[in-house]
Amino acid sequence: MNFMSKTRRLAFAAVAGAVAVGATIAVAQTPAFFRIGTGGTAGTYYPVGGLIANVISGTNGGVPGLVATAVASNGSVANINAINGGSSESGFSQSDVAYWAHTGTGLFEGKGKVEDLRVIATLYPETIHLVARKDANIKSVADLKGKRVSLDEPGSGTLVDARIVLGAFGLTEKDVKAEYLKPGPAGDRLRDGALDAYFFVGGYPTGAISELATSSGISLVPITGPEIDKMLGQYQFFAKDTVPANTYKDVPETNTISVNAQWLTSAKQPDDLVYNIVKTLYNEKSRAALDAGHAKGKLVTLKNATSGLGIPLHPGAEKFYKEQGVLK
């Protein structure tokens, strides 16, 4: 082998090695996209989802290489369907809807079980709001009979809960003048006098209701009484809740009920990825951002993460919670 031939071979080997190293780096730095299905932009899921996406994204010092985005959606059922169908990596859901999906009951009766559905974290309680026009003279759920009431749109967890609450008082959709609107449009129609009341499930305070209370005035209808006590015994994913006085302008303390907001994913998502996501979600930097970003962000805590699960945790999340001592 002459000198020139040897030199060329060494040069080729060096270039090939550099290409191989470059390819390895490229693979390592290929962004992992992690969508978070939320809800309508007027609700609570969307801003909280945006906060979480921001703190876990690698560009903000979160999980290296992770690009997380909050995606507006039709809510719990739509998010679960997207996770199950592979068109979203994760999403928010009410704990009741997650339970029905995983067990193939309730709203998912006859649709099969979503057996791969897993919890990343329980986030915060979701309060059931029954918002009424101040002059509609609606003092209880029973007063909804014959009224123009929005139950939220098809495919939403709110619609399911609204039907259950009506049923507790012996009412069905046929007993009210039912409409099926998102919270934003429902609030607009309430303001215009074209609607008497609407159901909304979400953490308080929610922006759309706050704005409505300030601009037009509202009443919050209590969801309480022996009918609700009986319902709570039947549906154990509900819990008693209270909206404090002046959470919304001029609205007194109101007794109601709630479910949990949960962050769900598929069992198919890698354990290491989910482990690193929850590890980042509960670090000090994320804590500061969540506390400052939204009233419900303050409730996204390690203490709340494993409460009222209803369905299995993702193994990556479970590993982290066990390490932190919040799960035995």
Protein backbone atom coordinates (compact mmCIF):
# COMPACT_ATOMS: atom_id res chain seq x y z
CA MET A 1 0.00 0.00 0.00
CA ASN A 2 1.55 3.34 -1.05
CA PHE A 3 1.46 6.50 1.06
CA MET A 4 -1.29 8.23 -1.00
CA SER A 5 -3.56 5.19 -0.88
CA LYS A 6 -3.16 4.89 2.88
CA THR A 7 -3.81 8.62 3.33
CA ARG A 8 -6.99 8.39 1.28
CA ARG A 9 -8.21 5.44 3.34
CA LEU A 10 -7.55 7.25 6.60
CA ALA A 11 -9.32 10.34 5.32
CA PHE A 12 -12.31 8.27 4.20
CA ALA A 13 -12.47 6.52 7.59
CA ALA A 14 -12.36 9.88 9.37
CA VAL A 15 -15.18 11.27 7.23
CA ALA A 16 -17.25 8.10 7.70
CA GLY A 17 -16.68 8.26 11.45
CA ALA A 18 -17.73 11.90 11.54
CA VAL A 19 -20.87 11.10 9.56
CA ALA A 20 -21.69 8.24 11.95
CA VAL A 21 -21.17 10.46 15.01
CA GLY A 22 -23.24 13.20 13.36
CA ALA A 23 -26.02 10.73 12.67
CA THR A 24 -26.00 9.59 16.29
CA ILE A 25 -26.23 13.19 17.51
CA ALA A 26 -29.01 13.88 15.02
CA VAL A 27 -30.97 10.88 16.26
CA ALA A 28 -30.42 11.90 19.88
CA GLN A 29 -31.61 15.42 19.15
CA THR A 30 -34.61 14.47 17.01
CA PRO A 31 -37.50 16.14 18.84
CA ALA A 32 -40.12 13.94 20.46
CA PHE A 33 -43.52 15.51 19.98
CA PHE A 34 -45.97 15.13 22.85
CA ARG A 35 -49.43 16.55 22.26
CA ILE A 36 -51.76 17.28 25.17
CA GLY A 37 -55.43 17.26 24.18
CA THR A 38 -57.21 19.83 26.34
CA GLY A 39 -60.68 21.34 25.80
CA GLY A 40 -62.29 24.49 24.43
CA THR A 41 -60.22 27.67 24.62
CA ALA A 42 -62.76 29.27 27.00
CA GLY A 43 -62.40 26.54 29.64
CA THR A 44 -59.75 25.57 32.20
CA TYR A 45 -58.11 22.60 30.44
CA TYR A 46 -56.64 24.73 27.67
CA PRO A 47 -54.66 27.25 29.77
CA VAL A 48 -53.53 24.58 32.26
CA GLY A 49 -52.48 22.36 29.35
CA GLY A 50 -50.48 25.25 27.92
CA LEU A 51 -48.71 25.75 31.25
CA ILE A 52 -47.81 22.06 31.53
CA ALA A 53 -46.66 21.86 27.90
CA ASN A 54 -44.44 24.86 28.52
CA VAL A 55 -42.75 23.50 31.66
CA ILE A 56 -42.06 20.00 30.27
CA SER A 57 -40.75 21.14 26.86
CA GLY A 58 -36.99 20.81 26.38
CA THR A 59 -36.66 24.33 24.97
CA ASN A 60 -37.65 25.67 28.41
CA GLY A 61 -35.30 23.47 30.37
CA GLY A 62 -37.76 20.58 30.63
CA VAL A 63 -37.32 17.09 29.19
CA PRO A 64 -34.39 17.20 26.70
CA GLY A 65 -35.61 16.90 23.11
CA LEU A 66 -39.30 17.01 24.06
CA VAL A 67 -41.64 19.36 22.22
CA ALA A 68 -44.98 19.46 24.06
CA THR A 69 -48.01 21.33 22.77
CA ALA A 70 -51.48 21.96 24.19
CA VAL A 71 -54.15 21.24 21.58
CA ALA A 72 -57.71 22.61 21.81
CA SER A 73 -60.28 19.81 21.55
CA ASN A 74 -63.85 18.79 22.33
CA GLY A 75 -62.84 17.60 25.82
CA SER A 76 -62.61 14.34 27.72
CA VAL A 77 -64.18 11.86 25.30
CA ALA A 78 -62.48 13.35 22.26
CA ASN A 79 -59.11 13.24 24.04
CA ILE A 80 -59.52 9.60 25.06
CA ASN A 81 -60.51 8.66 21.52
CA ALA A 82 -57.47 10.50 20.17
CA ILE A 83 -55.14 8.68 22.59
CA ASN A 84 -56.75 5.34 21.73
CA GLY A 85 -56.52 6.05 18.00
CA GLY A 86 -52.90 7.21 18.18
CA SER A 87 -53.58 10.77 16.96
CA SER A 88 -52.54 12.25 20.33
CA GLU A 89 -49.91 11.19 22.83
CA SER A 90 -51.88 12.39 25.85
CA GLY A 91 -54.89 14.39 26.96
CA PHE A 92 -56.97 15.66 29.86
CA SER A 93 -60.14 13.95 31.01
CA GLN A 94 -62.60 13.90 33.82
CA SER A 95 -62.01 10.93 36.11
CA ASP A 96 -65.53 9.62 35.53
CA VAL A 97 -65.09 9.55 31.76
CA ALA A 98 -61.68 7.87 32.11
CA TYR A 99 -63.24 5.17 34.29
CA TRP A 100 -66.07 4.56 31.80
CA ALA A 101 -63.61 4.34 28.91
CA HIS A 102 -61.25 1.92 30.63
CA THR A 103 -64.09 -0.34 31.80
CA GLY A 104 -66.28 -0.02 28.69
CA THR A 105 -69.23 1.19 30.78
CA GLY A 106 -71.33 4.35 31.06
CA LEU A 107 -70.61 6.61 28.13
CA PHE A 108 -68.50 3.87 26.53
CA GLU A 109 -71.10 1.12 26.93
CA GLY A 110 -71.03 -1.11 23.84
CA LYS A 111 -67.96 0.66 22.42
CA GLY A 112 -65.39 -1.68 23.94
CA LYS A 113 -62.84 -1.05 26.65
CA VAL A 114 -59.95 1.37 26.15
CA GLU A 115 -57.67 -1.03 28.00
CA ASP A 116 -54.41 0.80 27.26
CA LEU A 117 -55.61 4.03 28.92
CA ARG A 118 -53.28 5.08 31.75
CA VAL A 119 -53.03 8.02 34.18
CA ILE A 120 -49.99 10.31 34.15
CA ALA A 121 -51.34 12.40 37.02
CA THR A 122 -54.47 13.58 38.79
CA LEU A 123 -54.31 17.35 38.39
CA TYR A 124 -57.08 19.07 40.38
CA PRO A 125 -60.79 18.85 41.28
CA GLU A 126 -63.19 19.87 38.52
CA THR A 127 -66.23 21.66 39.81
CA ILE A 128 -69.64 21.24 38.23
CA HIS A 129 -70.97 24.74 37.60
CA LEU A 130 -74.64 25.30 36.88
CA VAL A 131 -74.63 28.89 35.65
CA ALA A 132 -77.95 30.73 35.38
CA ARG A 133 -79.16 34.18 34.36
CA LYS A 134 -79.73 36.30 37.44
CA ASP A 135 -83.36 36.90 36.49
CA ALA A 136 -84.15 33.31 35.46
CA ASN A 137 -85.41 32.41 38.98
CA ILE A 138 -83.54 29.11 39.06
CA LYS A 139 -82.79 28.21 42.68
CA SER A 140 -82.19 24.47 42.31
CA VAL A 141 -81.71 21.79 39.66
CA ALA A 142 -85.45 21.02 39.90
CA ASP A 143 -86.19 24.55 38.64
CA LEU A 144 -84.60 23.73 35.28
CA LYS A 145 -87.80 22.03 34.13
CA GLY A 146 -89.10 23.81 31.04
CA LYS A 147 -86.08 26.15 30.92
CA ARG A 148 -83.63 26.70 28.05
CA VAL A 149 -80.54 24.82 29.23
CA SER A 150 -77.25 24.05 27.47
CA LEU A 151 -75.82 20.67 28.50
CA ASP A 152 -72.53 21.14 26.57
CA GLU A 153 -71.66 19.60 23.24
CA PRO A 154 -71.89 15.92 22.22
CA GLY A 155 -68.72 14.03 23.11
CA SER A 156 -67.99 16.11 26.20
CA GLY A 157 -67.80 14.74 29.73
CA THR A 158 -69.92 17.68 30.88
CA LEU A 159 -72.89 16.41 28.87
CA VAL A 160 -72.68 13.03 30.63
CA ASP A 161 -72.55 14.64 34.07
CA ALA A 162 -75.38 17.05 33.24
CA ARG A 163 -77.59 14.08 32.33
CA ILE A 164 -76.71 12.34 35.63
CA VAL A 165 -77.47 15.50 37.66
CA LEU A 166 -80.80 16.00 35.89
CA GLY A 167 -81.61 12.33 36.46
CA ALA A 168 -81.01 12.70 40.20
CA PHE A 169 -83.95 15.12 40.25
CA GLY A 170 -86.14 12.95 38.04
CA LEU A 171 -85.52 15.04 34.92
CA THR A 172 -84.35 14.11 31.42
CA GLU A 173 -83.30 16.20 28.43
CA LYS A 174 -86.93 16.13 27.29
CA ASP A 175 -87.97 17.98 30.45
CA VAL A 176 -85.80 20.97 29.52
CA LYS A 177 -85.36 22.89 26.29
CA ALA A 178 -81.94 21.35 25.72
CA GLU A 179 -79.17 22.93 23.71
CA TYR A 180 -75.70 21.49 23.13
CA LEU A 181 -73.19 24.33 23.12
CA LYS A 182 -69.60 24.83 24.23
CA PRO A 183 -69.23 27.06 27.32
CA GLY A 184 -68.18 30.13 25.30
CA PRO A 185 -71.23 30.25 22.99
CA ALA A 186 -73.49 29.19 25.88
CA GLY A 187 -72.29 32.19 27.88
CA ASP A 188 -72.92 34.48 24.91
CA ARG A 189 -76.50 33.21 24.58
CA LEU A 190 -77.04 33.58 28.33
CA ARG A 191 -75.83 37.19 28.14
CA ASP A 192 -78.20 37.84 25.23
CA GLY A 193 -81.18 36.40 27.09
CA ALA A 194 -81.50 33.47 24.66
CA LEU A 195 -80.56 30.86 27.30
CA ASP A 196 -81.57 30.41 30.93
CA ALA A 197 -78.75 28.21 32.23
CA TYR A 198 -75.81 26.05 31.23
CA PHE A 199 -73.63 23.35 32.72
CA PHE A 200 -69.87 23.67 32.81
CA VAL A 201 -67.38 21.27 34.42
CA GLY A 202 -63.99 22.76 35.21
CA GLY A 203 -61.77 24.26 37.85
CA TYR A 204 -62.87 27.56 39.30
CA PRO A 205 -62.44 30.35 38.53
CA THR A 206 -62.87 29.84 34.80
CA GLY A 207 -62.34 32.86 32.57
CA ALA A 208 -65.56 32.70 30.58
CA ILE A 209 -67.77 32.58 33.69
CA SER A 210 -65.73 35.31 35.43
CA GLU A 211 -66.22 37.57 32.42
CA LEU A 212 -69.94 36.81 32.29
CA ALA A 213 -70.36 37.49 36.02
CA THR A 214 -68.59 40.85 35.66
CA SER A 215 -70.33 41.99 32.47
CA SER A 216 -73.89 40.69 32.96
CA GLY A 217 -74.21 39.14 36.41
CA ILE A 218 -74.97 35.48 37.01
CA SER A 219 -76.24 33.14 39.67
CA LEU A 220 -74.63 29.80 40.48
CA VAL A 221 -77.25 27.16 41.14
CA PRO A 222 -76.48 24.84 44.09
CA ILE A 223 -76.18 21.16 43.20
CA THR A 224 -77.05 19.76 46.60
CA GLY A 225 -79.77 18.06 48.67
CA PRO A 226 -80.90 14.50 49.40
CA GLU A 227 -81.16 13.78 45.66
CA ILE A 228 -77.45 14.54 45.26
CA ASP A 229 -76.51 12.59 48.41
CA LYS A 230 -78.17 9.54 46.88
CA MET A 231 -76.39 10.17 43.56
CA LEU A 232 -73.00 10.39 45.29
CA GLY A 233 -73.56 6.94 46.74
CA GLN A 234 -74.28 5.60 43.27
CA TYR A 235 -71.50 7.40 41.39
CA GLN A 236 -68.42 7.41 43.58
CA PHE A 237 -66.27 9.43 41.16
CA PHE A 238 -68.27 12.49 42.25
CA ALA A 239 -67.45 14.36 45.46
CA LYS A 240 -69.03 17.27 47.34
CA ASP A 241 -67.45 20.63 46.53
CA THR A 242 -67.93 24.30 47.38
CA VAL A 243 -67.32 27.38 45.27
CA PRO A 244 -66.15 30.07 47.73
CA ALA A 245 -67.99 33.39 47.98
CA ASN A 246 -66.91 35.98 45.39
CA THR A 247 -65.01 33.47 43.27
CA TYR A 248 -67.28 35.07 40.68
CA LYS A 249 -68.45 38.67 41.09
CA ASP A 250 -71.35 39.00 43.56
CA VAL A 251 -71.92 35.23 43.77
CA PRO A 252 -72.20 33.84 47.34
CA GLU A 253 -70.70 30.57 48.54
CA THR A 254 -72.32 27.77 46.54
CA ASN A 255 -72.44 24.07 47.37
CA THR A 256 -71.99 21.77 44.39
CA ILE A 257 -70.11 18.62 43.33
CA SER A 258 -66.91 17.82 41.47
CA VAL A 259 -64.90 15.18 39.63
CA ASN A 260 -61.12 15.03 39.13
CA ALA A 261 -59.21 16.39 36.16
CA GLN A 262 -56.69 13.78 35.05
CA TRP A 263 -53.84 13.74 32.54
CA LEU A 264 -54.03 10.51 30.55
CA THR A 265 -51.83 8.68 28.07
CA SER A 266 -51.45 5.25 26.50
CA ALA A 267 -49.63 2.27 27.99
CA LYS A 268 -47.75 2.26 24.67
CA GLN A 269 -45.88 5.47 25.55
CA PRO A 270 -42.28 4.72 26.67
CA ASP A 271 -41.79 4.33 30.42
CA ASP A 272 -38.64 6.51 30.44
CA LEU A 273 -40.41 9.33 28.62
CA VAL A 274 -43.36 9.43 31.01
CA TYR A 275 -41.03 9.09 34.01
CA ASN A 276 -39.03 12.13 32.85
CA ILE A 277 -42.21 14.09 32.14
CA VAL A 278 -43.60 13.66 35.67
CA LYS A 279 -40.17 14.22 37.19
CA THR A 280 -40.02 17.56 35.35
CA LEU A 281 -43.63 18.46 36.13
CA TYR A 282 -42.98 18.39 39.87
CA ASN A 283 -39.58 20.09 40.04
CA GLU A 284 -39.03 23.52 41.65
CA LYS A 285 -38.90 25.46 38.38
CA SER A 286 -42.19 23.94 37.21
CA ARG A 287 -43.74 24.58 40.63
CA ALA A 288 -43.03 28.32 40.32
CA ALA A 289 -44.49 28.46 36.78
CA LEU A 290 -47.63 26.52 37.73
CA ASP A 291 -48.23 28.66 40.82
CA ALA A 292 -47.91 31.88 38.84
CA GLY A 293 -49.74 30.75 35.73
CA HIS A 294 -53.27 29.78 36.80
CA ALA A 295 -55.34 29.33 39.95
CA LYS A 296 -55.64 25.60 39.22
CA GLY A 297 -51.90 25.36 38.55
CA LYS A 298 -51.41 25.70 42.32
CA LEU A 299 -53.30 22.42 42.80
CA VAL A 300 -51.11 20.46 40.37
CA THR A 301 -49.05 18.99 43.19
CA LEU A 302 -47.29 15.75 43.98
CA LYS A 303 -49.72 15.32 46.88
CA ASN A 304 -52.73 15.37 44.52
CA ALA A 305 -51.06 13.36 41.74
CA THR A 306 -52.27 9.92 42.85
CA SER A 307 -55.65 10.80 44.36
CA GLY A 308 -58.88 9.33 43.01
CA LEU A 309 -57.18 7.48 40.17
CA GLY A 310 -59.93 5.08 39.13
CA ILE A 311 -57.74 3.51 36.40
CA PRO A 312 -54.09 2.31 36.41
CA LEU A 313 -51.13 4.67 36.42
CA HIS A 314 -48.66 4.59 33.54
CA PRO A 315 -45.64 2.52 34.73
CA GLY A 316 -43.27 5.46 34.17
CA ALA A 317 -45.40 7.71 36.37
CA GLU A 318 -45.91 4.96 38.94
CA LYS A 319 -42.14 4.47 39.26
CA PHE A 320 -41.63 8.17 40.00
CA TYR A 321 -44.46 8.38 42.54
CA LYS A 322 -43.12 5.33 44.39
CA GLU A 323 -39.65 6.90 44.50
CA GLN A 324 -41.17 10.06 45.96
CA GLY A 325 -43.07 8.13 48.60
CA VAL A 326 -46.54 9.32 47.52
CA LEU A 327 -47.47 5.82 46.36
CA LYS A 328 -46.82 2.58 48.20
